Protein backbone atom coordinates (compact mmCIF):
# COMPACT_ATOMS: atom_id res chain seq x y z
CA MET A 1 52.19 -27.16 -20.04
CA PHE A 2 49.52 -27.48 -17.36
CA PRO A 3 49.87 -26.60 -13.69
CA LYS A 4 51.05 -29.35 -11.43
CA VAL A 5 50.50 -30.16 -7.80
CA GLY A 6 53.17 -32.64 -6.93
CA ARG A 7 51.11 -33.94 -4.05
CA TRP A 8 49.07 -33.25 -0.99
CA LEU A 9 49.82 -35.83 1.61
CA PRO A 10 47.57 -36.61 4.57
CA ARG A 11 49.61 -37.28 7.69
CA ASP A 12 49.31 -37.20 11.46
CA MET A 13 51.83 -34.57 12.54
CA ALA A 14 52.68 -33.28 16.00
CA PHE A 15 51.80 -29.70 16.89
CA ASP A 16 53.39 -28.85 20.25
CA GLY A 17 53.64 -32.61 20.85
CA SER A 18 49.92 -33.30 20.25
CA PRO A 19 48.74 -35.23 17.17
CA ARG A 20 46.94 -33.34 14.45
CA ARG A 21 45.48 -34.66 11.18
CA THR A 22 47.29 -32.53 8.64
CA ALA A 23 47.74 -32.39 4.89
CA GLY A 24 51.13 -31.37 3.57
CA LEU A 25 51.12 -29.54 0.24
CA GLY A 26 54.13 -29.85 -2.02
CA GLY A 27 55.24 -29.33 -5.58
CA VAL A 28 52.84 -26.68 -6.89
CA LEU A 29 54.24 -25.64 -10.27
CA VAL A 30 52.86 -23.38 -12.99
CA HIS A 31 54.78 -22.97 -16.24
CA PRO A 32 56.21 -19.43 -16.51
CA ALA A 33 54.18 -18.74 -19.67
CA HIS A 34 50.96 -19.28 -17.70
CA ARG A 35 51.76 -17.43 -14.47
CA GLY A 36 49.63 -14.50 -13.39
CA GLN A 37 46.40 -16.04 -14.71
CA GLY A 38 45.08 -17.38 -11.40
CA ILE A 39 45.97 -20.97 -12.17
CA ALA A 40 47.91 -21.51 -8.93
CA ARG A 41 45.01 -20.03 -6.94
CA THR A 42 42.61 -22.54 -8.52
CA VAL A 43 44.92 -25.54 -8.12
CA ILE A 44 45.69 -24.70 -4.48
CA SER A 45 42.04 -24.10 -3.59
CA VAL A 46 41.09 -27.49 -5.07
CA ALA A 47 43.85 -29.17 -3.05
CA VAL A 48 42.58 -27.42 0.11
CA GLU A 49 39.03 -28.68 -0.51
CA HIS A 50 40.24 -32.24 -1.16
CA ALA A 51 42.24 -32.16 2.07
CA ARG A 52 39.22 -30.82 3.98
CA ALA A 53 37.01 -33.59 2.52
CA ALA A 54 39.63 -36.16 3.57
CA GLY A 55 39.40 -35.01 7.20
CA ALA A 56 42.49 -32.83 7.51
CA GLU A 57 42.32 -30.22 10.26
CA THR A 58 45.24 -28.15 9.01
CA MET A 59 47.32 -27.81 5.85
CA ILE A 60 51.01 -27.05 5.91
CA LEU A 61 53.66 -26.33 3.30
CA LEU A 62 57.35 -25.55 3.21
CA CYS A 63 57.72 -22.41 1.13
CA ARG A 64 60.49 -20.60 -0.68
CA PRO A 65 60.69 -16.97 0.52
CA ASP A 66 59.70 -15.55 -2.88
CA LEU A 67 56.38 -17.46 -2.77
CA VAL A 68 55.31 -16.33 0.72
CA PRO A 69 53.30 -13.35 -0.67
CA LEU A 70 51.36 -15.62 -3.05
CA TYR A 71 50.33 -18.01 -0.29
CA ALA A 72 49.56 -15.13 2.09
CA GLN A 73 47.14 -13.74 -0.51
CA LEU A 74 45.43 -17.13 -0.55
CA GLY A 75 44.84 -17.11 3.22
CA TRP A 76 47.92 -19.03 4.37
CA SER A 77 50.00 -17.62 7.23
CA ARG A 78 53.56 -18.09 8.45
CA LEU A 79 54.48 -20.31 11.34
CA SER A 80 57.15 -18.92 13.61
CA VAL A 81 58.04 -22.17 15.41
CA PRO A 82 60.70 -24.71 14.40
CA VAL A 83 59.46 -27.40 12.01
CA THR A 84 61.28 -30.72 11.95
CA PHE A 85 61.13 -33.54 9.42
CA GLN A 86 62.92 -36.82 8.83
CA GLN A 87 65.76 -37.50 6.44
CA PRO A 88 67.55 -40.81 5.92
CA ASP A 89 70.31 -39.73 8.32
CA GLY A 90 68.02 -38.29 11.02
CA ALA A 91 65.77 -35.39 11.94
CA ARG A 92 66.32 -31.94 10.43
CA THR A 93 64.84 -28.50 11.04
CA SER A 94 63.35 -26.93 7.95
CA PRO A 95 65.34 -23.99 6.56
CA LEU A 96 62.29 -22.86 4.55
CA THR A 97 59.39 -20.68 5.66
CA THR A 98 56.52 -22.84 6.86
CA MET A 99 53.02 -21.76 5.91
CA ILE A 100 49.80 -23.02 7.52
CA TYR A 101 46.16 -23.01 6.44
CA ASP A 102 43.54 -23.73 9.09
CA LEU A 103 40.71 -26.08 8.12
CA ALA A 104 39.36 -26.27 11.69
CA VAL A 105 39.40 -23.94 14.67
CA LEU A 106 42.39 -25.27 16.57
CA PRO A 107 45.20 -23.54 18.45
CA ARG A 108 48.30 -22.57 16.53
CA PRO A 109 51.50 -24.26 17.64
CA THR A 110 53.60 -22.18 20.01
CA ILE A 111 56.58 -24.52 20.51
CA SER A 112 57.17 -26.76 17.49
CA VAL A 113 55.79 -28.82 14.63
CA ASP A 114 57.05 -32.30 13.76
CA LEU A 115 56.08 -33.49 10.28
CA ARG A 116 56.62 -37.07 11.51
CA GLY A 117 58.15 -38.15 8.24
CA LEU A 118 59.87 -36.96 5.11
CA PRO A 119 59.02 -33.54 3.65
CA PHE A 120 56.24 -33.59 1.06
């Protein structure tokens, strides 16, 4: 089984209320038999370059706690502000760790991030 990136989704999100062209990364999967071979690193770096080429200023992902060290090794960092997203019954705050990857030199959010849509 090959690695899978469920999607990277370009979207205008709100960082501290200001719009930012962002790419959300979701669904990165590597079959257990192939883990530890650098496949995730390659797949994620390709997604980052595609997002950069598409004009994204920042990448963001919602991360399970056990995967935070992997993304940190790849240059992602934790956000410590609330992140909201839409669900069919209204806005929700993400219970997962949010990781960010800067593609441009822009200020980090200090108040909040709004994904302005469903999670990716």
